[in-house]
Amino acid sequence: MDKTMPLSALRQNSGMFDGLEPGMAINFTKNGTSVVILVNSEEWARTQASIRLLSELNKVERNFGEGVSLSDFRARHQRG
């Protein structure tokens, strides 16, 4: 479960990270409105890697939609 805290908690440094588990986020609010989400750096890296992968998959899918021939596909993606 994520945490929600007022932005003023950053100034107070009140041990807000106690009990924070992997995969959790801290949602800082100002006047009840979300303004900042704090996540673990490993979680951030995984999220960014997933975004890059999905972006590449989207490009490949679009290329197939444009009728890329099998030989062109193999030439572009040949390993070794």
N, C-alpha and C. Protein backbone atom coordinates (compact mmCIF):
# COMPACT_ATOMS: atom_id res chain seq x y z
N MET A 1 0.85 -1.19 0.00
CA MET A 1 0.00 0.00 0.00
C MET A 1 0.88 1.24 0.00
N ASP A 2 0.59 2.18 -0.87
CA ASP A 2 1.35 3.42 -0.95
C ASP A 2 0.99 4.33 0.23
N LYS A 3 1.87 5.28 0.49
CA LYS A 3 1.64 6.26 1.55
C LYS A 3 1.24 7.59 0.92
N THR A 4 0.42 8.34 1.60
CA THR A 4 0.09 9.71 1.21
C THR A 4 0.44 10.61 2.39
N MET A 5 1.23 11.64 2.10
CA MET A 5 1.68 12.54 3.17
C MET A 5 1.62 13.98 2.67
N PRO A 6 1.44 14.93 3.57
CA PRO A 6 1.50 16.33 3.17
C PRO A 6 2.94 16.71 2.81
N LEU A 7 3.09 17.62 1.88
CA LEU A 7 4.40 18.07 1.44
C LEU A 7 5.23 18.61 2.61
N SER A 8 4.59 19.14 3.62
CA SER A 8 5.30 19.68 4.78
C SER A 8 6.08 18.60 5.53
N ALA A 9 5.75 17.33 5.33
CA ALA A 9 6.48 16.25 5.99
C ALA A 9 7.93 16.19 5.54
N LEU A 10 8.23 16.67 4.35
CA LEU A 10 9.62 16.71 3.90
C LEU A 10 10.44 17.64 4.78
N ARG A 11 9.86 18.74 5.16
CA ARG A 11 10.56 19.71 6.00
C ARG A 11 10.78 19.18 7.41
N GLN A 12 9.87 18.37 7.87
CA GLN A 12 9.93 17.88 9.24
C GLN A 12 10.88 16.69 9.39
N ASN A 13 11.19 15.99 8.27
CA ASN A 13 12.08 14.83 8.31
C ASN A 13 11.71 13.91 9.46
N SER A 14 10.47 13.46 9.47
CA SER A 14 9.91 12.73 10.60
C SER A 14 9.99 11.21 10.47
N GLY A 15 10.99 10.70 9.79
CA GLY A 15 11.09 9.25 9.65
C GLY A 15 10.08 8.69 8.67
N MET A 16 9.76 9.47 7.65
CA MET A 16 8.72 9.07 6.71
C MET A 16 9.05 7.81 5.93
N PHE A 17 10.33 7.44 5.90
CA PHE A 17 10.71 6.26 5.14
C PHE A 17 10.60 4.97 5.95
N ASP A 18 10.32 5.08 7.23
CA ASP A 18 10.15 3.89 8.07
C ASP A 18 8.97 3.08 7.55
N GLY A 19 9.20 1.82 7.38
CA GLY A 19 8.12 0.94 6.94
C GLY A 19 7.87 0.97 5.44
N LEU A 20 8.67 1.70 4.70
CA LEU A 20 8.50 1.75 3.25
C LEU A 20 9.07 0.47 2.66
N GLU A 21 8.24 -0.27 1.95
CA GLU A 21 8.63 -1.55 1.38
C GLU A 21 8.88 -1.42 -0.12
N PRO A 22 9.68 -2.34 -0.70
CA PRO A 22 9.91 -2.31 -2.16
C PRO A 22 8.58 -2.32 -2.91
N GLY A 23 8.51 -1.53 -3.95
CA GLY A 23 7.29 -1.44 -4.74
C GLY A 23 6.31 -0.39 -4.24
N MET A 24 6.57 0.15 -3.07
CA MET A 24 5.68 1.19 -2.53
C MET A 24 6.14 2.56 -2.99
N ALA A 25 5.23 3.50 -2.92
CA ALA A 25 5.53 4.89 -3.25
C ALA A 25 4.99 5.78 -2.14
N ILE A 26 5.59 6.95 -2.02
CA ILE A 26 5.05 7.96 -1.09
C ILE A 26 4.47 9.08 -1.94
N ASN A 27 3.22 9.38 -1.73
CA ASN A 27 2.50 10.42 -2.46
C ASN A 27 2.45 11.66 -1.58
N PHE A 28 3.17 12.71 -1.96
CA PHE A 28 3.14 13.97 -1.21
C PHE A 28 2.06 14.87 -1.78
N THR A 29 1.32 15.48 -0.88
CA THR A 29 0.21 16.34 -1.28
C THR A 29 0.43 17.76 -0.77
N LYS A 30 -0.20 18.68 -1.47
CA LYS A 30 -0.23 20.07 -1.03
C LYS A 30 -1.68 20.50 -1.10
N ASN A 31 -2.22 20.87 0.03
CA ASN A 31 -3.63 21.23 0.14
C ASN A 31 -4.53 20.12 -0.40
N GLY A 32 -4.12 18.87 -0.13
CA GLY A 32 -4.94 17.72 -0.51
C GLY A 32 -4.77 17.26 -1.96
N THR A 33 -3.92 17.93 -2.73
CA THR A 33 -3.72 17.58 -4.13
C THR A 33 -2.33 16.97 -4.31
N SER A 34 -2.25 15.84 -5.00
CA SER A 34 -0.98 15.18 -5.23
C SER A 34 -0.04 16.07 -6.03
N VAL A 35 1.21 16.23 -5.54
CA VAL A 35 2.18 17.07 -6.23
C VAL A 35 3.49 16.35 -6.54
N VAL A 36 3.84 15.33 -5.75
CA VAL A 36 5.09 14.60 -5.94
C VAL A 36 4.89 13.15 -5.54
N ILE A 37 5.43 12.24 -6.35
CA ILE A 37 5.44 10.83 -6.00
C ILE A 37 6.89 10.42 -5.82
N LEU A 38 7.22 9.83 -4.70
CA LEU A 38 8.58 9.38 -4.40
C LEU A 38 8.61 7.86 -4.46
N VAL A 39 9.50 7.32 -5.30
CA VAL A 39 9.62 5.86 -5.41
C VAL A 39 11.08 5.47 -5.21
N ASN A 40 11.29 4.23 -4.85
CA ASN A 40 12.62 3.66 -4.70
C ASN A 40 13.35 3.75 -6.04
N SER A 41 14.66 4.01 -6.02
CA SER A 41 15.41 4.18 -7.26
C SER A 41 15.41 2.91 -8.11
N GLU A 42 15.40 1.74 -7.50
CA GLU A 42 15.33 0.49 -8.27
C GLU A 42 13.98 0.37 -8.97
N GLU A 43 12.93 0.75 -8.28
CA GLU A 43 11.59 0.73 -8.87
C GLU A 43 11.53 1.69 -10.05
N TRP A 44 12.13 2.87 -9.89
CA TRP A 44 12.17 3.86 -10.97
C TRP A 44 12.90 3.30 -12.19
N ALA A 45 14.04 2.65 -11.97
CA ALA A 45 14.81 2.09 -13.07
C ALA A 45 14.01 1.01 -13.79
N ARG A 46 13.31 0.15 -13.05
CA ARG A 46 12.47 -0.89 -13.67
C ARG A 46 11.36 -0.26 -14.50
N THR A 47 10.76 0.78 -13.98
CA THR A 47 9.68 1.45 -14.70
C THR A 47 10.19 2.07 -16.00
N GLN A 48 11.34 2.72 -15.92
CA GLN A 48 11.91 3.33 -17.13
C GLN A 48 12.29 2.27 -18.16
N ALA A 49 12.84 1.13 -17.70
CA ALA A 49 13.18 0.04 -18.62
C ALA A 49 11.93 -0.52 -19.29
N SER A 50 10.86 -0.64 -18.54
CA SER A 50 9.59 -1.12 -19.11
C SER A 50 9.06 -0.16 -20.16
N ILE A 51 9.17 1.12 -19.90
CA ILE A 51 8.71 2.13 -20.86
C ILE A 51 9.52 2.04 -22.14
N ARG A 52 10.85 1.90 -22.02
CA ARG A 52 11.69 1.78 -23.21
C ARG A 52 11.34 0.53 -24.01
N LEU A 53 11.13 -0.59 -23.32
CA LEU A 53 10.78 -1.85 -23.99
C LEU A 53 9.44 -1.71 -24.72
N LEU A 54 8.44 -1.17 -24.05
CA LEU A 54 7.13 -1.00 -24.68
C LEU A 54 7.20 -0.05 -25.87
N SER A 55 8.03 0.97 -25.77
CA SER A 55 8.21 1.89 -26.89
C SER A 55 8.81 1.17 -28.10
N GLU A 56 9.82 0.35 -27.86
CA GLU A 56 10.43 -0.41 -28.96
C GLU A 56 9.45 -1.41 -29.56
N LEU A 57 8.68 -2.08 -28.71
CA LEU A 57 7.68 -3.03 -29.22
C LEU A 57 6.63 -2.31 -30.06
N ASN A 58 6.27 -1.11 -29.65
CA ASN A 58 5.31 -0.31 -30.40
C ASN A 58 5.86 0.04 -31.78
N LYS A 59 7.15 0.39 -31.85
CA LYS A 59 7.77 0.70 -33.14
C LYS A 59 7.75 -0.52 -34.06
N VAL A 60 8.08 -1.68 -33.52
CA VAL A 60 8.08 -2.91 -34.32
C VAL A 60 6.67 -3.21 -34.82
N GLU A 61 5.70 -3.05 -33.95
CA GLU A 61 4.31 -3.31 -34.35
C GLU A 61 3.88 -2.36 -35.46
N ARG A 62 4.27 -1.10 -35.38
CA ARG A 62 3.93 -0.15 -36.43
C ARG A 62 4.59 -0.54 -37.75
N ASN A 63 5.83 -1.01 -37.69
CA ASN A 63 6.53 -1.43 -38.91
C ASN A 63 5.81 -2.59 -39.58
N PHE A 64 5.34 -3.53 -38.81
CA PHE A 64 4.60 -4.64 -39.39
C PHE A 64 3.31 -4.14 -40.04
N GLY A 65 2.70 -3.14 -39.42
CA GLY A 65 1.47 -2.58 -39.97
C GLY A 65 1.70 -1.90 -41.31
N GLU A 66 2.94 -1.46 -41.57
CA GLU A 66 3.26 -0.80 -42.82
C GLU A 66 3.68 -1.81 -43.89
N GLY A 67 3.67 -3.08 -43.57
CA GLY A 67 3.98 -4.11 -44.56
C GLY A 67 5.45 -4.37 -44.76
N VAL A 68 6.24 -4.38 -43.72
CA VAL A 68 7.65 -4.71 -43.84
C VAL A 68 7.77 -6.18 -44.24
N SER A 69 8.55 -6.43 -45.27
CA SER A 69 8.69 -7.81 -45.73
C SER A 69 9.52 -8.62 -44.73
N LEU A 70 9.36 -9.93 -44.78
CA LEU A 70 10.08 -10.80 -43.88
C LEU A 70 11.59 -10.67 -44.09
N SER A 71 12.03 -10.56 -45.32
CA SER A 71 13.47 -10.43 -45.59
C SER A 71 14.01 -9.10 -45.05
N ASP A 72 13.24 -8.01 -45.17
CA ASP A 72 13.66 -6.73 -44.61
C ASP A 72 13.72 -6.80 -43.09
N PHE A 73 12.72 -7.43 -42.50
CA PHE A 73 12.70 -7.58 -41.05
C PHE A 73 13.93 -8.36 -40.58
N ARG A 74 14.20 -9.49 -41.24
CA ARG A 74 15.35 -10.31 -40.86
C ARG A 74 16.65 -9.52 -41.04
N ALA A 75 16.77 -8.73 -42.09
CA ALA A 75 17.98 -7.94 -42.32
C ALA A 75 18.17 -6.90 -41.22
N ARG A 76 17.10 -6.30 -40.76
CA ARG A 76 17.18 -5.28 -39.73
C ARG A 76 17.50 -5.86 -38.34
N HIS A 77 17.01 -7.08 -38.11
CA HIS A 77 17.09 -7.65 -36.76
C HIS A 77 17.96 -8.89 -36.67
N GLN A 78 18.83 -9.08 -37.65
CA GLN A 78 19.70 -10.25 -37.65
C GLN A 78 20.71 -10.14 -36.51
N ARG A 79 20.87 -11.21 -35.79
CA ARG A 79 21.83 -11.25 -34.68
C ARG A 79 23.17 -11.73 -35.17
N GLY A 80 24.18 -11.23 -34.51
CA GLY A 80 25.53 -11.73 -34.74
C GLY A 80 26.20 -11.01 -35.80
